[in-house]
Amino acid sequence: MIGDEKFEQFHISQVAVFIRDNKCLIGEFSKWPGRWGLPGGRLDKGERNSEKAFRREIFEEIGLKEFEILGIVDFEVWERKDKFPVSGIVRLIKNENDKIKISSENIQLKWVAENELDDYDFVWPNAKRMLVNGFRFKELIEKYNEKK
């Protein structure tokens, strides 16, 4: 298309804040030992349905087929070290009972409390803020549901 050269090319990544028993799920990356992230990943080339892509990534990374998406709790645009821009979308998900499975993309998965987030080195620049926003969003939903 005419004029497209002036628009930025970027990756779109979607991750989940997944909280159970007041702890969120994070994973240590296999390709970056010691670096942590949230379950999810990038849209594949040709994917146009962001929710379908998000659900695919969550199934691939932690084995959940059924979960509720409660909302988008944060987003960010940043440059990787190679200067390629990334657009990150963070969704809060809910699944009370299903067992999670670890994929080959992670060395380990951990459930961590909000006050433990500073103990981890996250790949995404503002992952801690995103997780905290997920905890706040979940609290608001719970308070709203109590008033019903």
Protein backbone atom coordinates (compact mmCIF):
# COMPACT_ATOMS: atom_id res chain seq x y z
CA MET A 1 0.00 0.00 0.00
CA ILE A 2 1.09 3.54 -0.67
CA GLY A 3 2.60 5.22 2.37
CA ASP A 4 3.05 2.07 4.49
CA GLU A 5 6.79 2.65 4.70
CA LYS A 6 6.17 5.46 7.20
CA PHE A 7 4.38 3.15 9.66
CA GLU A 8 6.22 1.12 12.29
CA GLN A 9 6.44 -2.66 12.01
CA PHE A 10 6.15 -4.44 15.38
CA HIS A 11 5.35 -7.67 17.20
CA ILE A 12 2.13 -8.04 19.14
CA SER A 13 2.45 -10.13 22.29
CA GLN A 14 -0.34 -11.09 24.68
CA VAL A 15 0.19 -12.46 28.16
CA ALA A 16 -1.98 -13.48 31.07
CA VAL A 17 -2.12 -12.45 34.67
CA PHE A 18 -3.38 -15.71 36.17
CA ILE A 19 -4.12 -15.51 39.91
CA ARG A 20 -5.16 -18.31 42.27
CA ASP A 21 -5.17 -18.08 46.06
CA ASN A 22 -3.68 -14.57 45.89
CA LYS A 23 -0.65 -15.74 43.90
CA CYS A 24 0.12 -15.16 40.23
CA LEU A 25 1.68 -17.64 37.83
CA ILE A 26 5.05 -16.78 36.29
CA GLY A 27 7.50 -18.85 34.29
CA GLU A 28 11.28 -18.97 34.00
CA PHE A 29 12.21 -18.98 30.31
CA SER A 30 14.17 -21.93 28.93
CA LYS A 31 16.09 -19.73 26.49
CA TRP A 32 16.86 -17.12 29.19
CA PRO A 33 17.53 -18.92 32.50
CA GLY A 34 16.99 -16.56 35.41
CA ARG A 35 14.57 -14.38 33.42
CA TRP A 36 10.85 -14.60 34.06
CA GLY A 37 7.63 -13.86 32.25
CA LEU A 38 3.90 -14.33 32.16
CA PRO A 39 2.18 -17.08 30.16
CA GLY A 40 1.36 -16.08 26.60
CA GLY A 41 3.14 -15.11 23.43
CA ARG A 42 3.09 -13.40 20.06
CA LEU A 43 0.48 -13.45 17.36
CA ASP A 44 1.65 -15.74 14.58
CA LYS A 45 1.94 -14.39 11.06
CA GLY A 46 -1.52 -14.23 9.51
CA GLU A 47 -3.43 -14.42 12.81
CA ARG A 48 -6.10 -11.73 12.87
CA ASN A 49 -8.23 -12.81 15.83
CA SER A 50 -6.37 -11.67 18.94
CA GLU A 51 -8.54 -13.62 21.39
CA LYS A 52 -8.16 -16.85 19.44
CA ALA A 53 -4.37 -16.29 19.29
CA PHE A 54 -4.30 -15.55 23.03
CA ARG A 55 -6.22 -18.73 23.84
CA ARG A 56 -3.85 -20.74 21.61
CA GLU A 57 -0.81 -19.33 23.42
CA ILE A 58 -2.24 -20.03 26.89
CA PHE A 59 -3.00 -23.61 25.89
CA GLU A 60 0.50 -24.07 24.41
CA GLU A 61 2.28 -22.61 27.45
CA ILE A 62 0.27 -23.85 30.44
CA GLY A 63 -2.23 -26.35 29.03
CA LEU A 64 -5.44 -24.46 29.87
CA LYS A 65 -8.23 -24.93 27.34
CA GLU A 66 -11.05 -23.36 29.33
CA PHE A 67 -10.65 -20.03 31.08
CA GLU A 68 -12.51 -16.78 31.40
CA ILE A 69 -10.94 -13.56 30.19
CA LEU A 70 -11.88 -10.93 32.78
CA GLY A 71 -10.39 -7.98 30.93
CA ILE A 72 -7.33 -6.16 29.70
CA VAL A 73 -5.42 -4.88 32.72
CA ASP A 74 -2.41 -3.25 31.08
CA PHE A 75 -0.53 -2.68 27.83
CA GLU A 76 2.84 -1.33 26.80
CA VAL A 77 4.93 -0.53 23.74
CA TRP A 78 8.71 -0.83 24.03
CA GLU A 79 11.83 -1.64 22.02
CA ARG A 80 13.73 -4.87 22.39
CA LYS A 81 17.53 -4.71 22.66
CA ASP A 82 17.72 -5.01 18.86
CA LYS A 83 15.49 -1.89 18.61
CA PHE A 84 12.51 -3.85 17.21
CA PRO A 85 9.26 -2.55 18.76
CA VAL A 86 6.86 -4.76 20.70
CA SER A 87 3.26 -4.06 21.65
CA GLY A 88 2.28 -6.02 24.76
CA ILE A 89 -1.29 -6.66 25.90
CA VAL A 90 -1.97 -8.06 29.38
CA ARG A 91 -5.24 -9.87 30.16
CA LEU A 92 -6.51 -11.13 33.49
CA ILE A 93 -7.79 -14.71 33.22
CA LYS A 94 -9.73 -16.95 35.57
CA ASN A 95 -9.72 -20.73 35.95
CA GLU A 96 -10.28 -22.08 39.44
CA ASN A 97 -9.61 -25.79 39.12
CA ASP A 98 -7.85 -27.07 36.02
CA LYS A 99 -4.31 -28.33 36.38
CA ILE A 100 -1.57 -26.37 34.62
CA LYS A 101 1.18 -28.00 32.57
CA ILE A 102 4.65 -26.70 31.87
CA SER A 103 5.76 -26.34 28.24
CA SER A 104 9.26 -26.59 26.82
CA GLU A 105 9.38 -22.77 26.74
CA ASN A 106 9.83 -22.69 30.53
CA ILE A 107 12.27 -24.28 32.95
CA GLN A 108 9.75 -23.91 35.76
CA LEU A 109 6.47 -22.28 36.67
CA LYS A 110 5.90 -20.62 40.05
CA TRP A 111 2.98 -19.18 41.96
CA VAL A 112 4.19 -15.97 43.61
CA ALA A 113 2.57 -13.43 45.91
CA GLU A 114 2.44 -9.76 45.01
CA ASN A 115 5.00 -8.92 47.70
CA GLU A 116 7.49 -11.37 46.10
CA LEU A 117 7.54 -9.78 42.62
CA ASP A 118 10.71 -7.78 43.31
CA ASP A 119 12.59 -11.09 43.72
CA TYR A 120 12.28 -11.85 39.98
CA ASP A 121 13.99 -10.49 36.87
CA PHE A 122 11.27 -10.13 34.24
CA VAL A 123 11.88 -9.99 30.48
CA TRP A 124 9.10 -7.46 29.86
CA PRO A 125 10.26 -4.05 31.14
CA ASN A 126 7.10 -3.29 33.15
CA ALA A 127 5.95 -6.80 34.03
CA LYS A 128 5.84 -6.06 37.76
CA ARG A 129 3.53 -3.10 37.20
CA MET A 130 1.38 -5.25 34.92
CA LEU A 131 1.08 -7.98 37.55
CA VAL A 132 0.22 -5.45 40.25
CA ASN A 133 -2.48 -4.03 37.95
CA GLY A 134 -3.80 -7.57 37.55
CA PHE A 135 -4.05 -8.00 41.33
CA ARG A 136 -5.88 -4.62 41.61
CA PHE A 137 -8.27 -5.48 38.76
CA LYS A 138 -9.10 -8.81 40.38
CA GLU A 139 -9.80 -7.07 43.72
CA LEU A 140 -12.17 -4.62 42.01
CA ILE A 141 -14.07 -7.45 40.33
CA GLU A 142 -14.40 -9.31 43.62
CA LYS A 143 -15.65 -6.17 45.44
CA TYR A 144 -18.17 -5.51 42.67
CA ASN A 145 -19.42 -9.11 42.80
CA GLU A 146 -19.83 -8.91 46.60
CA LYS A 147 -22.15 -5.92 46.23
CA LYS A 148 -24.46 -7.70 43.79
